[in-house]
Every structure is written in structure tokens, then in C-alpha cells.
Amino acid sequence: MNKKVISFISLVFIALAFVACSDEGPKQPSIFPTKPVNRNNFEQWLLKNYTYPYNVEVQYKLVDGETDINYTLSPADSAKSAQLAIIIKYLWFDAYNEVAGPELVKQSAPRVLQMVGSSAFTRQQTEVVGTAEGGYKVSLYKVNDLTPEVLKDYKLMRLYYFHTMHHEFTHILNQLKPYDSQYDRITESDYVSGNWYGKSQRVAHRLGFVSPYAMDQGREDFAEMLSYYVTLSEAEWNDILQDAGTKGASLIKQKLEMVRSYMSTSWNVDIDELRTAVLRRAGQIEKLDLTTLK
């Protein structure tokens, strides 16, 4: 009998304790946002086209701590950011999807895609139009230069945006799966680190590089090689080989074959098919609806 009474009393205390605990609300405000986020049409479109399918956050507003404090930067115009977001998806994500399927972009796309209105300039006053950080973030600059005139000029679009997209994505792919270090040894003695900005196109070509920036170091050389190849027409690529001379062209071709092999074996991407897709899509930009977010 005593045991039953004790058990009953214990159950009562437990029940009272449970009720008392459940009645206690949080005494401090939550550290997590509790209000619904109000998103404009562009932000809703970004969720649908970047965040949900690819887990990519697109930042078009300057966010504290997300930009390099060494640069003086201007925020991106929201309308131009929307136009560029449509183009990026069409010419970068969709081009890779077409050639390799959606899983590559889903697994390898930067987790953060940042748009900045102005250019960034180094201490040497060289212009920075894009950066990739740690395999998770790509920043694109000069968004506010996306004028109607620039939109009609493929070479400027390539210079400002297309080349940068593919260059920075190559860095991410290399960070996830390193390329063969033998690549860096092909023109090892001619890398000049930060002094590349003083080199001409002709000098770079003759030494086996597709651009002066490729002379900075091996990883930049690799990214330049792929991004140039997939955004240049066959005639433009042949112009580089012609300008490089016999020796320079031979070195460039040797590097290209290593890039081709890497992309094929590591990512199942045929760079000639990718080039065809990129150039075809680049030729269709004028037909894109850049004013309606669907």
C-alpha cells in the first residue's frame, strides 16, 4: 500500500513539474529571425532559379563582411543584377547542364555568388573583374557596366563577365579535384607572379600562355586556358596560336590537351562540346528576355 501511495505521489510531482516547465516561455528574445522575410520579385526569382535547384545564394546587395575591405566598391544596381543573373544561369549553369547534366553544377557551383557594381583595383592599379574564394564563393564585379550597348557587344560581355564566370568556376573545380601538377612544369620558368601586368599579349603568346595573366602562376594559367578556349571562336583561338609562333603554339597545345584530359576524366566534360554550347548561347543573348523574371 505504501509503495502505491509513494508511486502515486511521485507521478503527481512529475505531472506538476511537466506543467510548470511547459508553461515557461523563453525569457530572452530568440537569436534566430522570427519574422517572415519579405522578398521582392527578383529575390523570389533567385530562390526559384539558384537557391532551390543549386543551393546557391546570390548576393546583389553589399553585405558587411562579405566584400574585401582592401577594395573601394559600389553596390550593384538591382535591375542590372537581375539581367546578369539571367545571363549567368543561361551561359554558365545551363551550358554545363547541357553538356554534363545537372549534378555537376549542383555539386560544384559556388555556394555564394556575389555581384558588385564597380570594379576592384589592386595596389598596382590592375583591375579585378572576378574572384573565387575557397571553392565556395565567386564574386563578379562591373555589374553596373552592363549597359544596352555592352549587351550587344560580345567581346565586351566576354571580357567583363563570360570569361570571368568560366575562369572562376575552373578554380572551384580545381579546388575540389586538383589537376595534374605536371601542367605547371610545362612553362615553369616563365611564371612571373605579380609582374604579369607588365607583359604584352605577344610576349605571353610567344612563351606559351594565352594571356599575360596566365603568366602569374600555374593555377591561373590553367583557369585562363579553359576559360579562353570555351569563350573564343575557333578563328580567335587560331589567331592566338598564329601569334604564338611555332614554339609558343606547341606549348599552348600541350597545355590544352592536359586541360582537356582533366575535364574529361575528372568531370566527364568534353570541352569542345562545352565550347559549342557556350558560343551558341552567347549568340542568343540578344533574344533573351532580360526584363521579365519568369
C-alpha atoms as a PDB file:
ATOM      1  CA  MET A   1       0.000   0.000   0.000  1.00  0.00           C
ATOM      2  CA  ASN A   2       2.803   2.393   0.989  1.00  0.00           C
ATOM      3  CA  LYS A   3       4.562   1.695  -2.305  1.00  0.00           C
ATOM      4  CA  LYS A   4       1.393   2.515  -4.243  1.00  0.00           C
ATOM      5  CA  VAL A   5       0.950   5.796  -2.308  1.00  0.00           C
ATOM      6  CA  ILE A   6       4.575   6.772  -2.896  1.00  0.00           C
ATOM      7  CA  SER A   7       4.280   5.949  -6.593  1.00  0.00           C
ATOM      8  CA  PHE A   8       1.088   7.982  -6.902  1.00  0.00           C
ATOM      9  CA  ILE A   9       2.671  10.977  -5.148  1.00  0.00           C
ATOM     10  CA  SER A  10       5.723  10.718  -7.431  1.00  0.00           C
ATOM     11  CA  LEU A  11       3.518  10.751 -10.524  1.00  0.00           C
ATOM     12  CA  VAL A  12       1.722  13.854  -9.233  1.00  0.00           C
ATOM     13  CA  PHE A  13       5.021  15.691  -8.709  1.00  0.00           C
ATOM     14  CA  ILE A  14       6.239  14.698 -12.177  1.00  0.00           C
ATOM     15  CA  ALA A  15       2.999  15.897 -13.761  1.00  0.00           C
ATOM     16  CA  LEU A  16       3.165  19.214 -11.887  1.00  0.00           C
ATOM     17  CA  ALA A  17       6.804  19.681 -12.886  1.00  0.00           C
ATOM     18  CA  PHE A  18       5.930  18.990 -16.533  1.00  0.00           C
ATOM     19  CA  VAL A  19       3.095  21.523 -16.481  1.00  0.00           C
ATOM     20  CA  ALA A  20       5.301  24.096 -14.777  1.00  0.00           C
ATOM     21  CA  CYS A  21       8.061  23.610 -17.346  1.00  0.00           C
ATOM     22  CA  SER A  22       5.674  23.729 -20.290  1.00  0.00           C
ATOM     23  CA  ASP A  23       4.188  26.998 -19.031  1.00  0.00           C
ATOM     24  CA  GLU A  24       7.562  28.700 -19.028  1.00  0.00           C
ATOM     25  CA  GLY A  25       8.167  30.625 -22.268  1.00  0.00           C
ATOM     26  CA  PRO A  26      11.607  31.829 -23.390  1.00  0.00           C
ATOM     27  CA  LYS A  27      12.742  34.665 -21.136  1.00  0.00           C
ATOM     28  CA  GLN A  28      15.180  36.094 -23.711  1.00  0.00           C
ATOM     29  CA  PRO A  29      14.433  37.058 -27.330  1.00  0.00           C
ATOM     30  CA  SER A  30      15.351  34.391 -29.870  1.00  0.00           C
ATOM     31  CA  ILE A  31      18.704  34.759 -31.625  1.00  0.00           C
ATOM     32  CA  PHE A  32      17.053  33.436 -34.804  1.00  0.00           C
ATOM     33  CA  PRO A  33      14.856  35.514 -37.126  1.00  0.00           C
ATOM     34  CA  THR A  34      11.200  35.050 -36.229  1.00  0.00           C
ATOM     35  CA  LYS A  35       9.587  37.425 -38.716  1.00  0.00           C
ATOM     36  CA  PRO A  36       8.775  36.289 -42.270  1.00  0.00           C
ATOM     37  CA  VAL A  37      11.284  37.545 -44.837  1.00  0.00           C
ATOM     38  CA  ASN A  38       9.797  39.978 -47.314  1.00  0.00           C
ATOM     39  CA  ARG A  39      11.340  39.240 -50.705  1.00  0.00           C
ATOM     40  CA  ASN A  40      10.885  41.283 -53.853  1.00  0.00           C
ATOM     41  CA  ASN A  41      10.217  39.687 -57.254  1.00  0.00           C
ATOM     42  CA  PHE A  42      13.912  39.404 -58.077  1.00  0.00           C
ATOM     43  CA  GLU A  43      14.690  37.697 -54.776  1.00  0.00           C
ATOM     44  CA  GLN A  44      11.816  35.270 -55.289  1.00  0.00           C
ATOM     45  CA  TRP A  45      13.208  34.505 -58.748  1.00  0.00           C
ATOM     46  CA  LEU A  46      16.672  33.896 -57.271  1.00  0.00           C
ATOM     47  CA  LEU A  47      15.208  31.398 -54.814  1.00  0.00           C
ATOM     48  CA  LYS A  48      13.476  29.524 -57.623  1.00  0.00           C
ATOM     49  CA  ASN A  49      16.386  29.540 -60.097  1.00  0.00           C
ATOM     50  CA  TYR A  50      19.505  29.456 -57.907  1.00  0.00           C
ATOM     51  CA  THR A  51      18.838  28.590 -54.278  1.00  0.00           C
ATOM     52  CA  TYR A  52      16.343  25.737 -54.575  1.00  0.00           C
ATOM     53  CA  PRO A  53      17.896  23.858 -57.534  1.00  0.00           C
ATOM     54  CA  TYR A  54      21.590  24.570 -56.818  1.00  0.00           C
ATOM     55  CA  ASN A  55      21.837  25.684 -53.169  1.00  0.00           C
ATOM     56  CA  VAL A  56      23.419  28.952 -54.336  1.00  0.00           C
ATOM     57  CA  GLU A  57      22.875  32.227 -52.512  1.00  0.00           C
ATOM     58  CA  VAL A  58      23.058  35.233 -54.829  1.00  0.00           C
ATOM     59  CA  GLN A  59      24.104  38.433 -53.061  1.00  0.00           C
ATOM     60  CA  TYR A  60      23.437  41.564 -55.071  1.00  0.00           C
ATOM     61  CA  LYS A  61      23.438  43.909 -52.090  1.00  0.00           C
ATOM     62  CA  LEU A  62      26.743  44.688 -50.407  1.00  0.00           C
ATOM     63  CA  VAL A  63      26.826  42.644 -47.213  1.00  0.00           C
ATOM     64  CA  ASP A  64      29.086  43.540 -44.288  1.00  0.00           C
ATOM     65  CA  GLY A  65      31.959  41.093 -44.041  1.00  0.00           C
ATOM     66  CA  GLU A  66      31.354  39.596 -47.487  1.00  0.00           C
ATOM     67  CA  THR A  67      33.464  42.033 -49.526  1.00  0.00           C
ATOM     68  CA  ASP A  68      37.212  42.578 -49.450  1.00  0.00           C
ATOM     69  CA  ILE A  69      37.982  45.595 -47.249  1.00  0.00           C
ATOM     70  CA  ASN A  70      41.063  46.314 -49.360  1.00  0.00           C
ATOM     71  CA  TYR A  71      38.833  47.491 -52.216  1.00  0.00           C
ATOM     72  CA  THR A  72      36.606  50.533 -52.505  1.00  0.00           C
ATOM     73  CA  LEU A  73      33.429  49.117 -54.019  1.00  0.00           C
ATOM     74  CA  SER A  74      29.994  50.291 -55.116  1.00  0.00           C
ATOM     75  CA  PRO A  75      26.796  48.228 -54.792  1.00  0.00           C
ATOM     76  CA  ALA A  76      25.264  46.649 -57.866  1.00  0.00           C
ATOM     77  CA  ASP A  77      22.186  48.142 -59.484  1.00  0.00           C
ATOM     78  CA  SER A  78      19.304  45.749 -58.800  1.00  0.00           C
ATOM     79  CA  ALA A  79      17.906  45.843 -62.360  1.00  0.00           C
ATOM     80  CA  LYS A  80      21.315  45.124 -63.867  1.00  0.00           C
ATOM     81  CA  SER A  81      21.879  42.404 -61.275  1.00  0.00           C
ATOM     82  CA  ALA A  82      18.671  40.747 -62.435  1.00  0.00           C
ATOM     83  CA  GLN A  83      19.789  40.920 -66.065  1.00  0.00           C
ATOM     84  CA  LEU A  84      23.187  39.446 -65.228  1.00  0.00           C
ATOM     85  CA  ALA A  85      21.613  36.700 -63.096  1.00  0.00           C
ATOM     86  CA  ILE A  86      19.534  35.602 -66.096  1.00  0.00           C
ATOM     87  CA  ILE A  87      22.633  35.620 -68.328  1.00  0.00           C
ATOM     88  CA  ILE A  88      24.801  33.744 -65.811  1.00  0.00           C
ATOM     89  CA  LYS A  89      22.254  30.983 -65.473  1.00  0.00           C
ATOM     90  CA  TYR A  90      21.857  30.696 -69.244  1.00  0.00           C
ATOM     91  CA  LEU A  91      25.520  30.894 -70.227  1.00  0.00           C
ATOM     92  CA  TRP A  92      27.195  29.195 -67.276  1.00  0.00           C
ATOM     93  CA  PHE A  93      24.911  26.865 -65.300  1.00  0.00           C
ATOM     94  CA  ASP A  94      22.706  25.835 -68.219  1.00  0.00           C
ATOM     95  CA  ALA A  95      25.686  25.368 -70.558  1.00  0.00           C
ATOM     96  CA  TYR A  96      27.302  22.907 -68.140  1.00  0.00           C
ATOM     97  CA  ASN A  97      23.933  21.226 -67.561  1.00  0.00           C
ATOM     98  CA  GLU A  98      23.558  20.737 -71.298  1.00  0.00           C
ATOM     99  CA  VAL A  99      26.958  19.073 -71.656  1.00  0.00           C
ATOM    100  CA  ALA A 100      27.409  17.200 -68.364  1.00  0.00           C
ATOM    101  CA  GLY A 101      23.982  17.020 -66.723  1.00  0.00           C
ATOM    102  CA  PRO A 102      22.719  18.978 -63.692  1.00  0.00           C
ATOM    103  CA  GLU A 103      24.632  17.090 -60.992  1.00  0.00           C
ATOM    104  CA  LEU A 104      27.969  18.741 -61.779  1.00  0.00           C
ATOM    105  CA  VAL A 105      26.610  22.234 -61.175  1.00  0.00           C
ATOM    106  CA  LYS A 106      24.568  21.107 -58.162  1.00  0.00           C
ATOM    107  CA  GLN A 107      27.664  19.600 -56.539  1.00  0.00           C
ATOM    108  CA  SER A 108      30.284  22.117 -57.661  1.00  0.00           C
ATOM    109  CA  ALA A 109      28.612  25.510 -58.040  1.00  0.00           C
ATOM    110  CA  PRO A 110      29.763  28.186 -55.601  1.00  0.00           C
ATOM    111  CA  ARG A 111      27.563  28.355 -52.542  1.00  0.00           C
ATOM    112  CA  VAL A 112      27.669  32.160 -52.772  1.00  0.00           C
ATOM    113  CA  LEU A 113      27.549  34.222 -55.956  1.00  0.00           C
ATOM    114  CA  GLN A 114      28.225  37.858 -55.186  1.00  0.00           C
ATOM    115  CA  MET A 115      27.546  40.749 -57.562  1.00  0.00           C
ATOM    116  CA  VAL A 116      29.391  44.039 -57.113  1.00  0.00           C
ATOM    117  CA  GLY A 117      28.589  47.194 -59.034  1.00  0.00           C
ATOM    118  CA  SER A 118      32.082  48.559 -59.567  1.00  0.00           C
ATOM    119  CA  SER A 119      35.473  47.152 -60.446  1.00  0.00           C
ATOM    120  CA  ALA A 120      38.083  46.387 -57.816  1.00  0.00           C
ATOM    121  CA  PHE A 121      41.635  47.652 -58.188  1.00  0.00           C
ATOM    122  CA  THR A 122      44.815  46.289 -56.643  1.00  0.00           C
ATOM    123  CA  ARG A 123      47.658  48.395 -55.260  1.00  0.00           C
ATOM    124  CA  GLN A 124      49.291  48.125 -58.679  1.00  0.00           C
ATOM    125  CA  GLN A 125      46.063  49.575 -60.156  1.00  0.00           C
ATOM    126  CA  THR A 126      45.277  46.395 -62.072  1.00  0.00           C
ATOM    127  CA  GLU A 127      41.571  45.793 -62.474  1.00  0.00           C
ATOM    128  CA  VAL A 128      39.943  42.809 -60.762  1.00  0.00           C
ATOM    129  CA  VAL A 129      36.757  41.640 -62.505  1.00  0.00           C
ATOM    130  CA  GLY A 130      36.222  38.414 -60.573  1.00  0.00           C
ATOM    131  CA  THR A 131      37.435  36.340 -57.636  1.00  0.00           C
ATOM    132  CA  ALA A 132      36.888  32.825 -56.288  1.00  0.00           C
ATOM    133  CA  GLU A 133      37.301  32.074 -52.587  1.00  0.00           C
ATOM    134  CA  GLY A 134      37.896  28.683 -51.050  1.00  0.00           C
ATOM    135  CA  GLY A 135      35.737  26.787 -53.506  1.00  0.00           C
ATOM    136  CA  TYR A 136      32.521  28.260 -52.110  1.00  0.00           C
ATOM    137  CA  LYS A 137      32.203  31.834 -53.338  1.00  0.00           C
ATOM    138  CA  VAL A 138      32.532  33.673 -56.657  1.00  0.00           C
ATOM    139  CA  SER A 139      32.396  37.457 -56.901  1.00  0.00           C
ATOM    140  CA  LEU A 140      31.647  39.234 -60.175  1.00  0.00           C
ATOM    141  CA  TYR A 141      32.402  42.936 -60.482  1.00  0.00           C
ATOM    142  CA  LYS A 142      31.461  45.663 -63.005  1.00  0.00           C
ATOM    143  CA  VAL A 143      27.761  44.804 -62.827  1.00  0.00           C
ATOM    144  CA  ASN A 144      26.859  48.466 -63.274  1.00  0.00           C
ATOM    145  CA  ASP A 145      28.692  48.476 -66.619  1.00  0.00           C
ATOM    146  CA  LEU A 146      26.001  46.220 -68.075  1.00  0.00           C
ATOM    147  CA  THR A 147      24.524  48.828 -70.429  1.00  0.00           C
ATOM    148  CA  PRO A 148      22.391  48.167 -73.541  1.00  0.00           C
ATOM    149  CA  GLU A 149      25.483  48.898 -75.650  1.00  0.00           C
ATOM    150  CA  VAL A 150      27.603  46.375 -73.742  1.00  0.00           C
ATOM    151  CA  LEU A 151      24.853  43.762 -74.026  1.00  0.00           C
ATOM    152  CA  LYS A 152      25.145  43.956 -77.818  1.00  0.00           C
ATOM    153  CA  ASP A 153      28.952  43.666 -77.812  1.00  0.00           C
ATOM    154  CA  TYR A 154      30.006  40.033 -77.341  1.00  0.00           C
ATOM    155  CA  LYS A 155      33.687  40.877 -76.912  1.00  0.00           C
ATOM    156  CA  LEU A 156      32.940  43.274 -74.059  1.00  0.00           C
ATOM    157  CA  MET A 157      30.492  40.828 -72.477  1.00  0.00           C
ATOM    158  CA  ARG A 158      33.175  38.174 -72.675  1.00  0.00           C
ATOM    159  CA  LEU A 159      35.811  40.490 -71.229  1.00  0.00           C
ATOM    160  CA  TYR A 160      33.652  41.683 -68.331  1.00  0.00           C
ATOM    161  CA  TYR A 161      31.606  38.608 -67.477  1.00  0.00           C
ATOM    162  CA  PHE A 162      31.742  35.425 -69.604  1.00  0.00           C
ATOM    163  CA  HIS A 163      35.466  34.816 -69.328  1.00  0.00           C
ATOM    164  CA  THR A 164      35.317  35.593 -65.606  1.00  0.00           C
ATOM    165  CA  MET A 165      32.483  33.121 -64.957  1.00  0.00           C
ATOM    166  CA  HIS A 166      34.342  30.224 -66.518  1.00  0.00           C
ATOM    167  CA  HIS A 167      37.728  31.250 -65.099  1.00  0.00           C
ATOM    168  CA  GLU A 168      36.465  31.384 -61.522  1.00  0.00           C
ATOM    169  CA  PHE A 169      34.437  28.185 -61.900  1.00  0.00           C
ATOM    170  CA  THR A 170      37.607  26.447 -63.108  1.00  0.00           C
ATOM    171  CA  HIS A 171      39.269  27.454 -59.835  1.00  0.00           C
ATOM    172  CA  ILE A 172      36.435  25.834 -57.892  1.00  0.00           C
ATOM    173  CA  LEU A 173      36.674  22.642 -59.938  1.00  0.00           C
ATOM    174  CA  ASN A 174      40.444  22.582 -59.345  1.00  0.00           C
ATOM    175  CA  GLN A 175      39.960  23.052 -55.619  1.00  0.00           C
ATOM    176  CA  LEU A 176      37.552  20.128 -55.499  1.00  0.00           C
ATOM    177  CA  LYS A 177      39.686  17.915 -57.759  1.00  0.00           C
ATOM    178  CA  PRO A 178      43.268  19.121 -58.297  1.00  0.00           C
ATOM    179  CA  TYR A 179      44.717  18.971 -61.787  1.00  0.00           C
ATOM    180  CA  ASP A 180      47.974  17.153 -62.597  1.00  0.00           C
ATOM    181  CA  SER A 181      50.911  19.180 -61.239  1.00  0.00           C
ATOM    182  CA  GLN A 182      52.840  18.334 -64.400  1.00  0.00           C
ATOM    183  CA  TYR A 183      50.830  21.109 -66.026  1.00  0.00           C
ATOM    184  CA  ASP A 184      52.717  23.735 -64.017  1.00  0.00           C
ATOM    185  CA  ARG A 185      56.051  22.382 -65.227  1.00  0.00           C
ATOM    186  CA  ILE A 186      55.375  22.950 -68.940  1.00  0.00           C
ATOM    187  CA  THR A 187      56.317  26.643 -68.698  1.00  0.00           C
ATOM    188  CA  GLU A 188      57.541  26.628 -65.101  1.00  0.00           C
ATOM    189  CA  SER A 189      60.444  29.033 -65.626  1.00  0.00           C
ATOM    190  CA  ASP A 190      58.261  31.720 -67.218  1.00  0.00           C
ATOM    191  CA  TYR A 191      55.755  32.355 -64.433  1.00  0.00           C
ATOM    192  CA  VAL A 192      56.311  35.890 -63.146  1.00  0.00           C
ATOM    193  CA  SER A 193      53.858  36.144 -60.225  1.00  0.00           C
ATOM    194  CA  GLY A 194      52.580  39.704 -59.756  1.00  0.00           C
ATOM    195  CA  ASN A 195      54.649  41.097 -62.619  1.00  0.00           C
ATOM    196  CA  TRP A 196      52.326  39.702 -65.280  1.00  0.00           C
ATOM    197  CA  TYR A 197      50.563  43.056 -65.782  1.00  0.00           C
ATOM    198  CA  GLY A 198      53.692  44.432 -67.449  1.00  0.00           C
ATOM    199  CA  LYS A 199      53.654  41.760 -70.163  1.00  0.00           C
ATOM    200  CA  SER A 200      52.072  42.149 -73.594  1.00  0.00           C
ATOM    201  CA  GLN A 201      49.779  39.671 -75.320  1.00  0.00           C
ATOM    202  CA  ARG A 202      52.505  38.949 -77.882  1.00  0.00           C
ATOM    203  CA  VAL A 203      55.100  38.172 -75.203  1.00  0.00           C
ATOM    204  CA  ALA A 204      52.648  35.918 -73.348  1.00  0.00           C
ATOM    205  CA  HIS A 205      51.666  34.055 -76.514  1.00  0.00           C
ATOM    206  CA  ARG A 206      55.271  33.510 -77.589  1.00  0.00           C
ATOM    207  CA  LEU A 207      56.093  31.994 -74.197  1.00  0.00           C
ATOM    208  CA  GLY A 208      53.157  29.577 -74.332  1.00  0.00           C
ATOM    209  CA  PHE A 209      50.432  31.476 -72.455  1.00  0.00           C
ATOM    210  CA  VAL A 210      47.020  32.526 -73.727  1.00  0.00           C
ATOM    211  CA  SER A 211      47.153  35.834 -71.813  1.00  0.00           C
ATOM    212  CA  PRO A 212      49.537  37.892 -69.670  1.00  0.00           C
ATOM    213  CA  TYR A 213      47.517  36.976 -66.557  1.00  0.00           C
ATOM    214  CA  ALA A 214      48.188  33.301 -67.267  1.00  0.00           C
ATOM    215  CA  MET A 215      51.849  34.081 -66.518  1.00  0.00           C
ATOM    216  CA  ASP A 216      51.023  34.793 -62.870  1.00  0.00           C
ATOM    217  CA  GLN A 217      51.169  31.159 -61.683  1.00  0.00           C
ATOM    218  CA  GLY A 218      50.121  27.666 -62.691  1.00  0.00           C
ATOM    219  CA  ARG A 219      46.587  27.703 -61.323  1.00  0.00           C
ATOM    220  CA  GLU A 220      45.802  30.989 -63.078  1.00  0.00           C
ATOM    221  CA  ASP A 221      47.335  29.627 -66.268  1.00  0.00           C
ATOM    222  CA  PHE A 222      45.061  26.574 -66.098  1.00  0.00           C
ATOM    223  CA  ALA A 223      41.932  28.664 -65.461  1.00  0.00           C
ATOM    224  CA  GLU A 224      42.838  31.080 -68.253  1.00  0.00           C
ATOM    225  CA  MET A 225      43.395  28.208 -70.659  1.00  0.00           C
ATOM    226  CA  LEU A 226      39.942  26.711 -70.127  1.00  0.00           C
ATOM    227  CA  SER A 227      38.040  29.996 -69.935  1.00  0.00           C
ATOM    228  CA  TYR A 228      39.690  31.346 -73.089  1.00  0.00           C
ATOM    229  CA  TYR A 229      39.120  28.141 -75.014  1.00  0.00           C
ATOM    230  CA  VAL A 230      35.405  27.851 -74.292  1.00  0.00           C
ATOM    231  CA  THR A 231      34.610  31.541 -74.878  1.00  0.00           C
ATOM    232  CA  LEU A 232      36.705  32.171 -78.022  1.00  0.00           C
ATOM    233  CA  SER A 233      35.616  31.202 -81.502  1.00  0.00           C
ATOM    234  CA  GLU A 234      37.795  28.766 -83.431  1.00  0.00           C
ATOM    235  CA  ALA A 235      39.094  31.648 -85.555  1.00  0.00           C
ATOM    236  CA  GLU A 236      40.022  33.695 -82.458  1.00  0.00           C
ATOM    237  CA  TRP A 237      41.735  30.697 -80.879  1.00  0.00           C
ATOM    238  CA  ASN A 238      43.717  30.107 -84.070  1.00  0.00           C
ATOM    239  CA  ASP A 239      44.755  33.775 -84.041  1.00  0.00           C
ATOM    240  CA  ILE A 240      46.388  33.194 -80.649  1.00  0.00           C
ATOM    241  CA  LEU A 241      48.215  30.122 -81.952  1.00  0.00           C
ATOM    242  CA  GLN A 242      49.342  32.064 -85.021  1.00  0.00           C
ATOM    243  CA  ASP A 243      50.618  34.930 -82.871  1.00  0.00           C
ATOM    244  CA  ALA A 244      52.410  32.481 -80.558  1.00  0.00           C
ATOM    245  CA  GLY A 245      54.689  31.151 -83.270  1.00  0.00           C
ATOM    246  CA  THR A 246      55.789  27.551 -83.585  1.00  0.00           C
ATOM    247  CA  LYS A 247      57.259  27.166 -80.090  1.00  0.00           C
ATOM    248  CA  GLY A 248      54.569  29.103 -78.227  1.00  0.00           C
ATOM    249  CA  ALA A 249      51.755  27.345 -80.094  1.00  0.00           C
ATOM    250  CA  SER A 250      53.261  23.962 -79.274  1.00  0.00           C
ATOM    251  CA  LEU A 251      53.308  24.814 -75.557  1.00  0.00           C
ATOM    252  CA  ILE A 252      49.733  26.120 -75.626  1.00  0.00           C
ATOM    253  CA  LYS A 253      48.528  22.978 -77.402  1.00  0.00           C
ATOM    254  CA  GLN A 254      50.320  20.810 -74.842  1.00  0.00           C
ATOM    255  CA  LYS A 255      48.578  22.639 -72.019  1.00  0.00           C
ATOM    256  CA  LEU A 256      45.219  22.452 -73.761  1.00  0.00           C
ATOM    257  CA  GLU A 257      45.476  18.675 -74.003  1.00  0.00           C
ATOM    258  CA  MET A 258      46.083  18.464 -70.247  1.00  0.00           C
ATOM    259  CA  VAL A 259      43.057  20.691 -69.621  1.00  0.00           C
ATOM    260  CA  ARG A 260      41.005  18.550 -71.987  1.00  0.00           C
ATOM    261  CA  SER A 261      42.079  15.359 -70.207  1.00  0.00           C
ATOM    262  CA  TYR A 262      41.412  16.804 -66.748  1.00  0.00           C
ATOM    263  CA  MET A 263      37.904  17.978 -67.598  1.00  0.00           C
ATOM    264  CA  SER A 264      37.072  14.669 -69.250  1.00  0.00           C
ATOM    265  CA  THR A 265      38.437  12.315 -66.593  1.00  0.00           C
ATOM    266  CA  SER A 266      37.606  14.391 -63.501  1.00  0.00           C
ATOM    267  CA  TRP A 267      34.258  15.890 -64.523  1.00  0.00           C
ATOM    268  CA  ASN A 268      33.086  13.997 -67.609  1.00  0.00           C
ATOM    269  CA  VAL A 269      33.042  17.250 -69.588  1.00  0.00           C
ATOM    270  CA  ASP A 270      34.071  17.411 -73.246  1.00  0.00           C
ATOM    271  CA  ILE A 271      35.481  20.930 -73.575  1.00  0.00           C
ATOM    272  CA  ASP A 272      34.710  21.049 -77.293  1.00  0.00           C
ATOM    273  CA  GLU A 273      31.053  20.311 -76.582  1.00  0.00           C
ATOM    274  CA  LEU A 274      31.126  22.884 -73.787  1.00  0.00           C
ATOM    275  CA  ARG A 275      32.625  25.450 -76.142  1.00  0.00           C
ATOM    276  CA  THR A 276      29.923  24.777 -78.732  1.00  0.00           C
ATOM    277  CA  ALA A 277      27.197  25.209 -76.105  1.00  0.00           C
ATOM    278  CA  VAL A 278      28.728  28.399 -74.676  1.00  0.00           C
ATOM    279  CA  LEU A 279      29.239  30.071 -78.057  1.00  0.00           C
ATOM    280  CA  ARG A 280      25.774  29.118 -79.289  1.00  0.00           C
ATOM    281  CA  ARG A 281      24.194  30.504 -76.144  1.00  0.00           C
ATOM    282  CA  ALA A 282      26.340  33.645 -76.318  1.00  0.00           C
ATOM    283  CA  GLY A 283      24.965  34.261 -79.790  1.00  0.00           C
ATOM    284  CA  GLN A 284      21.418  34.072 -78.447  1.00  0.00           C
ATOM    285  CA  ILE A 285      21.736  36.628 -75.648  1.00  0.00           C
ATOM    286  CA  GLU A 286      20.038  39.371 -77.660  1.00  0.00           C
ATOM    287  CA  LYS A 287      16.983  37.110 -77.881  1.00  0.00           C
ATOM    288  CA  LEU A 288      16.806  36.561 -74.117  1.00  0.00           C
ATOM    289  CA  ASP A 289      14.063  38.345 -72.218  1.00  0.00           C
ATOM    290  CA  LEU A 290      16.105  40.232 -69.636  1.00  0.00           C
ATOM    291  CA  THR A 291      13.230  42.312 -68.325  1.00  0.00           C
ATOM    292  CA  THR A 292      10.763  39.634 -67.238  1.00  0.00           C
ATOM    293  CA  LEU A 293      11.514  37.379 -64.285  1.00  0.00           C
ATOM    294  CA  LYS A 294       9.735  34.108 -65.008  1.00  0.00           C
END
